[in-house]
Amino acid sequence: MNITVELGERSYDVVLANGARHELAKLIRSRAPRAQTVAVVTSPSLRNQPWFGFDSGLSEHVIEVPDGEGAKTLATLDELCERLAGVQLSRHDVIVAVGGGAVTDLAGFAAAVYLRGVALVQVPTSLMGQVDAAIGGKTAVNLAAGKNLVGAFHQPLGVLCDFDTLSTLPERERLSGLGEVAKCCLLEGWRATQVVDVSLSDLAIMSVRLKANIVSGDEKESGQRALLNYGHTLAHAIEVLALERDIDELRHGEAVAVGLAFAARLAHRLGRIEQGEVENHDALLGAFGLDARLPAHSATSDLVGAMGQDKKAHHDLTFVLASANGFDLVRDIDADVVATVLDEFRGEL
C-alpha cells in the first residue's frame, strides 16, 4: 500500500507493507541520485533486532543514539551532528532514521539543521512512528520546559513502514501506538464497535491516510493540521511532569489516551457534545486496551500550568475539542473550568 503526501515537488510516498524496508535502495536512487553515503541513525536495541539490515546500495555508516525519549535532547542532537560530520556526510547524501518516534524526531531534526538541510528517509519501526511521528515532516527535541519545543519542519524523501518490525514490538510500545490510532479513529468519527476485529495493519493504513490527507492541505499547521493534536494538550503536560520524575514512567500514546478521555469531558462541560460521545470515547479507548485514567500523582495546578506552555497556546489554554459537527481548535478556555474538569476526572479513579 502506497499513500502519497501531496506537497507539489516535495510530494512523497508512505509505503506500508511487510518488507517495506527493502525499498530503501530504490527510493534513494530515485529521489537522491547524487548520494554516495547513507548515515543510518538508530538505537542499540533496534540494531540487535532480527530484521535489522539495510541495503542502500551506497556506503553506509550506522550511528547509534539512546533508546526512547531520552534521545530527544539538544545534547544528543549535538553529538549526532558531530558524528555526521565525522563520517563526512555531504549535502547530497542521505540520513536514514530507523526507529520509533523518538529516533525519527531526533534524526529528522538533525537532517533539517545539519549543513542547513540534508535528505531524509524515515523507516519507522514502532506503531507510533508508523502512524504518526515519521509522517508529515515535524521534527523536534524536548526541553525541560516542554515537549518538542525546539524543532523544524523537514519533509522526508519517503517513509517506509515495514510491518515486519512490529512483530518484535514490546506490548507496551504497541499500546502506546494505539493511543495515536485511537485519536485517528475518533477524528474519523468511528464508534467503539467499529474497531473490533480490525487488523493492526488496516488501522495503521487508516491512520496514515488521515494524516497524509491533512498534511497535504496544511503542511505547517496553520489550520486543519492542528486537529491532529487532539488529546495532546493534556498529554504533553502529563509527559513533561512524568519526565521530571522518571524518563521511563510514561509513553506518549499512554498520555494521549488520557488526553483524549479528558478532552471529551471538557467538551461535554462546555456543551459541545452529549454524554453519549464521552462514553464512546471511553469505550473506544477500552476496546484498544488503553488505560485512560488521570495519573494520581499529577497535581491539577501543575497540569494547568504545563498546559499553558503547550506549543498551540498563545498565553492561553488551547484545546482541540469535539462538537456535533466535528473538531475545532478552541482558544481562551477558562483555567478554572479546566481545573474543575481535571478534578472531576481524577475523582473517577
Protein backbone atom coordinates (compact mmCIF):
# COMPACT_ATOMS: atom_id res chain seq x y z
CA MET A 1 0.00 0.00 0.00
CA ASN A 2 1.37 3.41 -1.04
CA ILE A 3 -0.16 6.62 0.33
CA THR A 4 1.08 9.93 -1.06
CA VAL A 5 1.64 13.09 0.93
CA GLU A 6 0.86 15.70 -1.73
CA LEU A 7 3.24 18.65 -1.42
CA GLY A 8 3.92 19.60 -5.01
CA GLU A 9 7.55 18.98 -5.99
CA ARG A 10 8.21 17.72 -2.45
CA SER A 11 5.49 15.07 -2.51
CA TYR A 12 6.47 11.64 -1.24
CA ASP A 13 5.04 8.19 -0.68
CA VAL A 14 4.45 6.36 2.56
CA VAL A 15 4.92 2.66 1.84
CA LEU A 16 3.05 0.34 4.23
CA ALA A 17 3.83 -3.34 3.72
CA ASN A 18 5.70 -6.34 5.05
CA GLY A 19 9.27 -5.94 3.84
CA ALA A 20 8.90 -2.23 3.02
CA ARG A 21 12.42 -1.59 4.35
CA HIS A 22 13.82 -3.40 1.30
CA GLU A 23 12.62 -0.50 -0.87
CA LEU A 24 15.38 1.74 0.54
CA ALA A 25 17.90 1.43 -2.30
CA LYS A 26 15.22 2.04 -4.93
CA LEU A 27 13.92 5.08 -3.05
CA ILE A 28 17.37 6.64 -2.73
CA ARG A 29 18.24 6.02 -6.37
CA SER A 30 15.01 7.69 -7.40
CA ARG A 31 14.95 10.66 -5.02
CA ALA A 32 18.65 11.28 -4.24
CA PRO A 33 20.61 10.09 -7.30
CA ARG A 34 23.75 12.05 -6.34
CA ALA A 35 24.03 10.46 -2.90
CA GLN A 36 27.15 8.44 -2.15
CA THR A 37 26.81 7.88 1.58
CA VAL A 38 24.00 6.92 3.93
CA ALA A 39 24.00 7.58 7.68
CA VAL A 40 21.64 5.12 9.38
CA VAL A 41 20.54 6.59 12.72
CA THR A 42 19.12 4.00 15.11
CA SER A 43 19.28 2.81 18.71
CA PRO A 44 21.27 -0.10 20.20
CA SER A 45 18.21 -2.24 20.93
CA LEU A 46 16.91 -1.91 17.38
CA ARG A 47 20.27 -2.68 15.85
CA ASN A 48 20.09 -6.09 17.54
CA GLN A 49 16.67 -6.97 16.12
CA PRO A 50 16.48 -9.89 13.65
CA TRP A 51 15.02 -7.67 10.92
CA PHE A 52 17.76 -5.03 11.15
CA GLY A 53 19.80 -4.77 7.99
CA PHE A 54 19.51 -2.37 5.08
CA ASP A 55 20.82 -2.37 1.54
CA SER A 56 21.01 1.21 0.40
CA GLY A 57 23.38 0.42 -2.45
CA LEU A 58 25.74 3.05 -1.03
CA SER A 59 28.45 3.38 1.61
CA GLU A 60 26.70 3.07 4.98
CA HIS A 61 27.54 4.32 8.46
CA VAL A 62 25.39 3.22 11.41
CA ILE A 63 25.15 5.82 14.18
CA GLU A 64 23.56 4.80 17.47
CA VAL A 65 21.59 7.15 19.70
CA PRO A 66 19.96 6.35 23.07
CA ASP A 67 16.76 4.35 23.20
CA GLY A 68 13.48 6.09 23.91
CA GLU A 69 12.56 9.64 24.84
CA GLY A 70 15.99 10.19 26.38
CA ALA A 71 17.35 10.61 22.86
CA LYS A 72 15.35 13.79 22.26
CA THR A 73 17.72 16.32 23.81
CA LEU A 74 19.86 19.15 22.48
CA ALA A 75 22.92 17.36 23.86
CA THR A 76 22.15 14.22 21.84
CA LEU A 77 21.44 16.34 18.76
CA ASP A 78 24.88 17.92 19.17
CA GLU A 79 26.53 14.51 19.46
CA LEU A 80 24.65 13.21 16.42
CA CYS A 81 25.66 16.17 14.25
CA GLU A 82 29.28 15.70 15.31
CA ARG A 83 29.03 12.06 14.20
CA LEU A 84 27.53 13.10 10.86
CA ALA A 85 30.45 15.46 10.36
CA GLY A 86 32.81 12.66 11.35
CA VAL A 87 31.59 10.44 8.50
CA GLN A 88 31.78 13.45 6.17
CA LEU A 89 28.13 13.36 5.21
CA SER A 90 27.57 15.84 2.37
CA ARG A 91 24.55 17.80 1.22
CA HIS A 92 23.96 15.20 -1.50
CA ASP A 93 23.90 12.31 0.98
CA VAL A 94 21.04 10.83 3.00
CA ILE A 95 20.14 10.31 6.65
CA VAL A 96 18.01 7.21 7.23
CA ALA A 97 16.14 7.22 10.54
CA VAL A 98 15.40 3.68 11.76
CA GLY A 99 13.40 3.58 14.97
CA GLY A 100 10.37 4.70 16.89
CA GLY A 101 9.02 8.20 17.30
CA ALA A 102 11.97 9.45 19.37
CA VAL A 103 14.55 8.36 16.79
CA THR A 104 12.55 9.69 13.85
CA ASP A 105 12.07 13.04 15.63
CA LEU A 106 15.75 13.36 16.54
CA ALA A 107 17.20 12.17 13.22
CA GLY A 108 14.69 14.27 11.32
CA PHE A 109 15.73 17.39 13.23
CA ALA A 110 19.40 16.60 12.58
CA ALA A 111 18.59 16.28 8.87
CA ALA A 112 16.85 19.65 8.99
CA VAL A 113 19.78 21.53 10.55
CA TYR A 114 22.98 19.68 9.57
CA LEU A 115 24.56 21.55 6.65
CA ARG A 116 21.32 23.59 6.68
CA GLY A 117 19.42 20.55 5.47
CA VAL A 118 20.16 17.13 4.03
CA ALA A 119 17.90 14.45 2.57
CA LEU A 120 16.00 12.18 4.95
CA VAL A 121 14.31 8.80 4.68
CA GLN A 122 12.15 7.68 7.58
CA VAL A 123 11.95 3.96 8.43
CA PRO A 124 9.67 3.93 11.48
CA THR A 125 9.81 0.64 13.37
CA SER A 126 7.15 1.23 16.03
CA LEU A 127 3.41 1.60 15.60
CA MET A 128 3.72 5.14 16.99
CA GLY A 129 6.33 6.00 14.39
CA GLN A 130 4.40 4.44 11.53
CA VAL A 131 1.05 6.10 12.19
CA ASP A 132 2.28 9.47 13.38
CA ALA A 133 5.83 10.58 14.17
CA ALA A 134 7.57 9.73 10.89
CA ILE A 135 4.94 11.29 8.62
CA GLY A 136 4.38 14.96 7.93
CA GLY A 137 7.81 16.49 8.44
CA LYS A 138 7.57 17.51 12.10
CA THR A 139 10.92 17.05 13.84
CA ALA A 140 11.94 18.13 17.33
CA VAL A 141 13.71 17.58 20.61
CA ASN A 142 12.46 18.33 24.11
CA LEU A 143 13.35 20.99 26.65
CA ALA A 144 12.85 20.80 30.40
CA ALA A 145 10.05 23.32 29.84
CA GLY A 146 8.10 21.12 27.48
CA LYS A 147 7.80 18.54 24.73
CA ASN A 148 9.06 19.23 21.21
CA LEU A 149 9.77 22.90 21.86
CA VAL A 150 12.85 23.01 19.59
CA GLY A 151 12.38 21.66 16.09
CA ALA A 152 11.74 22.27 12.43
CA PHE A 153 9.54 21.12 9.57
CA HIS A 154 11.62 18.88 7.31
CA GLN A 155 9.84 16.57 4.91
CA PRO A 156 11.43 13.21 4.06
CA LEU A 157 12.10 11.76 0.62
CA GLY A 158 9.85 8.90 1.61
CA VAL A 159 8.61 6.82 4.54
CA LEU A 160 8.97 3.02 4.66
CA CYS A 161 6.58 1.47 7.19
CA ASP A 162 7.61 -2.15 7.40
CA PHE A 163 5.02 -4.22 9.26
CA ASP A 164 7.70 -6.89 9.86
CA THR A 165 9.23 -4.64 12.53
CA LEU A 166 6.01 -4.68 14.55
CA SER A 167 6.44 -8.40 15.25
CA THR A 168 9.22 -7.62 17.76
CA LEU A 169 7.47 -4.62 19.30
CA PRO A 170 7.04 -4.85 23.10
CA GLU A 171 3.42 -4.86 24.23
CA ARG A 172 3.74 -1.51 25.97
CA GLU A 173 5.03 0.10 22.76
CA ARG A 174 2.17 -1.45 20.79
CA LEU A 175 -0.33 0.03 23.25
CA SER A 176 1.39 3.40 23.04
CA GLY A 177 0.96 3.38 19.27
CA LEU A 178 -2.70 2.51 19.71
CA GLY A 179 -3.11 5.78 21.60
CA GLU A 180 -2.43 7.64 18.34
CA VAL A 181 -4.55 5.17 16.39
CA ALA A 182 -7.46 5.83 18.79
CA LYS A 183 -7.05 9.55 18.14
CA CYS A 184 -7.36 8.95 14.40
CA CYS A 185 -10.41 6.74 14.86
CA LEU A 186 -12.13 9.46 16.88
CA LEU A 187 -11.21 12.17 14.37
CA GLU A 188 -12.74 9.96 11.68
CA GLY A 189 -15.93 9.65 13.71
CA TRP A 190 -15.62 5.94 14.46
CA ARG A 191 -17.75 4.30 17.11
CA ALA A 192 -16.22 1.87 19.58
CA THR A 193 -17.89 -1.09 17.87
CA GLN A 194 -16.07 -0.33 14.61
CA VAL A 195 -12.59 -1.11 15.94
CA VAL A 196 -13.40 -4.70 16.88
CA ASP A 197 -11.52 -7.26 14.76
CA VAL A 198 -9.82 -4.62 12.59
CA SER A 199 -6.23 -5.72 11.89
CA LEU A 200 -3.29 -3.69 13.10
CA SER A 201 -2.15 -3.12 9.52
CA ASP A 202 -5.57 -1.83 8.48
CA LEU A 203 -5.64 0.50 11.48
CA ALA A 204 -2.21 1.80 10.50
CA ILE A 205 -3.32 2.38 6.92
CA MET A 206 -6.40 4.29 8.07
CA SER A 207 -4.29 6.46 10.38
CA VAL A 208 -1.66 7.21 7.73
CA ARG A 209 -4.30 8.06 5.13
CA LEU A 210 -5.91 10.53 7.54
CA LYS A 211 -2.61 12.19 8.40
CA ALA A 212 -1.43 12.33 4.77
CA ASN A 213 -4.68 13.99 3.69
CA ILE A 214 -4.46 16.62 6.42
CA VAL A 215 -0.74 17.34 5.95
CA SER A 216 -1.25 17.64 2.19
CA GLY A 217 -3.63 20.52 2.81
CA ASP A 218 -1.83 22.15 5.73
CA GLU A 219 1.89 21.41 5.89
CA LYS A 220 2.89 23.97 8.53
CA GLU A 221 -0.06 23.57 10.92
CA SER A 222 -1.72 26.88 10.12
CA GLY A 223 -5.20 25.34 10.07
CA GLN A 224 -6.61 21.82 9.90
CA ARG A 225 -3.35 20.09 10.84
CA ALA A 226 -3.76 21.34 14.39
CA LEU A 227 -6.62 18.84 14.72
CA LEU A 228 -4.02 16.06 14.75
CA ASN A 229 -3.12 17.34 18.21
CA TYR A 230 -6.43 16.06 19.57
CA GLY A 231 -5.79 14.91 23.13
CA HIS A 232 -2.27 16.29 23.11
CA THR A 233 -2.64 19.42 25.25
CA LEU A 234 -3.10 17.42 28.43
CA ALA A 235 -0.94 14.57 27.11
CA HIS A 236 2.11 16.79 26.71
CA ALA A 237 1.56 18.30 30.17
CA ILE A 238 1.40 14.83 31.74
CA GLU A 239 4.55 13.83 29.85
CA VAL A 240 6.53 16.88 30.97
CA LEU A 241 5.71 16.20 34.63
CA ALA A 242 6.45 12.48 34.22
CA LEU A 243 9.82 13.16 32.59
CA GLU A 244 10.82 15.18 35.64
CA ARG A 245 10.30 12.07 37.78
CA ASP A 246 11.42 9.20 35.57
CA ILE A 247 12.20 9.12 31.86
CA ASP A 248 10.54 5.71 31.52
CA GLU A 249 7.44 6.46 33.57
CA LEU A 250 5.14 7.19 30.65
CA ARG A 251 4.87 6.58 26.90
CA HIS A 252 3.49 9.22 24.55
CA GLY A 253 0.49 7.16 23.47
CA GLU A 254 -0.37 6.36 27.07
CA ALA A 255 -0.56 10.09 27.76
CA VAL A 256 -2.58 10.68 24.58
CA ALA A 257 -5.19 8.15 25.72
CA VAL A 258 -5.67 10.12 28.95
CA GLY A 259 -5.76 13.36 26.96
CA LEU A 260 -8.49 12.04 24.67
CA ALA A 261 -10.70 10.97 27.56
CA PHE A 262 -10.20 14.35 29.24
CA ALA A 263 -10.87 16.33 26.04
CA ALA A 264 -14.22 14.58 25.69
CA ARG A 265 -15.13 15.53 29.26
CA LEU A 266 -14.06 19.13 28.72
CA ALA A 267 -16.09 19.33 25.51
CA HIS A 268 -19.11 17.98 27.36
CA ARG A 269 -18.69 20.52 30.16
CA LEU A 270 -18.60 23.28 27.54
CA GLY A 271 -21.81 21.99 25.96
CA ARG A 272 -20.18 20.90 22.73
CA ILE A 273 -21.04 17.17 22.87
CA GLU A 274 -23.53 14.89 24.61
CA GLN A 275 -22.65 12.43 27.36
CA GLY A 276 -23.02 9.60 24.87
CA GLU A 277 -19.94 10.80 22.99
CA VAL A 278 -17.93 10.84 26.22
CA GLU A 279 -18.99 7.24 26.71
CA ASN A 280 -17.99 6.40 23.12
CA HIS A 281 -14.51 7.83 23.74
CA ASP A 282 -14.14 5.70 26.86
CA ALA A 283 -15.44 2.58 25.11
CA LEU A 284 -13.16 3.01 22.11
CA LEU A 285 -10.10 3.52 24.30
CA GLY A 286 -11.13 0.48 26.31
CA ALA A 287 -11.52 -1.61 23.15
CA PHE A 288 -7.84 -0.94 22.44
CA GLY A 289 -6.87 -1.88 25.99
CA LEU A 290 -5.80 1.67 26.83
CA ASP A 291 -5.81 2.97 30.40
CA ALA A 292 -7.29 6.46 30.21
CA ARG A 293 -7.22 7.34 33.91
CA LEU A 294 -5.52 10.53 35.01
CA PRO A 295 -2.27 9.79 36.90
CA ALA A 296 -2.99 10.36 40.58
CA HIS A 297 0.38 11.99 41.34
CA SER A 298 -0.01 14.84 38.81
CA ALA A 299 -1.40 17.84 40.72
CA THR A 300 -4.13 19.82 38.98
CA SER A 301 -2.29 23.14 39.39
CA ASP A 302 0.87 21.65 37.87
CA LEU A 303 -1.05 20.24 34.91
CA VAL A 304 -2.84 23.52 34.21
CA GLY A 305 0.47 25.36 34.36
CA ALA A 306 2.15 22.89 31.99
CA MET A 307 -0.76 23.06 29.54
CA GLY A 308 -0.25 26.82 29.33
CA GLN A 309 3.20 26.10 27.87
CA ASP A 310 1.83 23.95 25.03
CA LYS A 311 3.01 24.92 21.53
CA LYS A 312 -0.55 25.56 20.35
CA ALA A 313 -1.19 28.02 23.19
CA HIS A 314 -0.72 31.76 22.85
CA HIS A 315 -0.55 32.64 26.56
CA ASP A 316 -3.88 30.89 26.99
CA LEU A 317 -5.32 27.39 27.35
CA THR A 318 -5.98 25.89 23.94
CA PHE A 319 -7.55 22.51 23.17
CA VAL A 320 -8.75 20.59 20.15
CA LEU A 321 -12.33 19.73 21.10
CA ALA A 322 -15.11 17.69 19.57
CA SER A 323 -18.52 19.07 18.67
CA ALA A 324 -21.63 17.74 16.96
CA ASN A 325 -20.16 18.96 13.66
CA GLY A 326 -16.58 17.77 14.01
CA PHE A 327 -13.49 19.16 15.74
CA ASP A 328 -12.17 22.66 16.36
CA LEU A 329 -9.14 24.34 17.90
CA VAL A 330 -10.65 26.23 20.83
CA ARG A 331 -8.69 29.02 22.49
CA ASP A 332 -9.01 31.02 25.72
CA ILE A 333 -10.66 28.28 27.76
CA ASP A 334 -11.10 29.37 31.36
CA ALA A 335 -8.42 27.83 33.58
CA ASP A 336 -10.90 27.34 36.42
CA VAL A 337 -13.16 25.27 34.16
CA VAL A 338 -10.20 23.16 33.05
CA ALA A 339 -9.13 22.65 36.67
CA THR A 340 -12.65 21.66 37.72
CA VAL A 341 -12.96 19.08 34.94
CA LEU A 342 -9.50 17.73 35.84
CA ASP A 343 -10.52 17.31 39.47
CA GLU A 344 -13.74 15.55 38.48
CA PHE A 345 -11.80 13.34 36.07
CA ARG A 346 -9.38 12.46 38.84
CA GLY A 347 -12.32 11.53 41.01
CA GLU A 348 -13.20 8.76 38.56
CA LEU A 349 -10.09 6.79 39.54
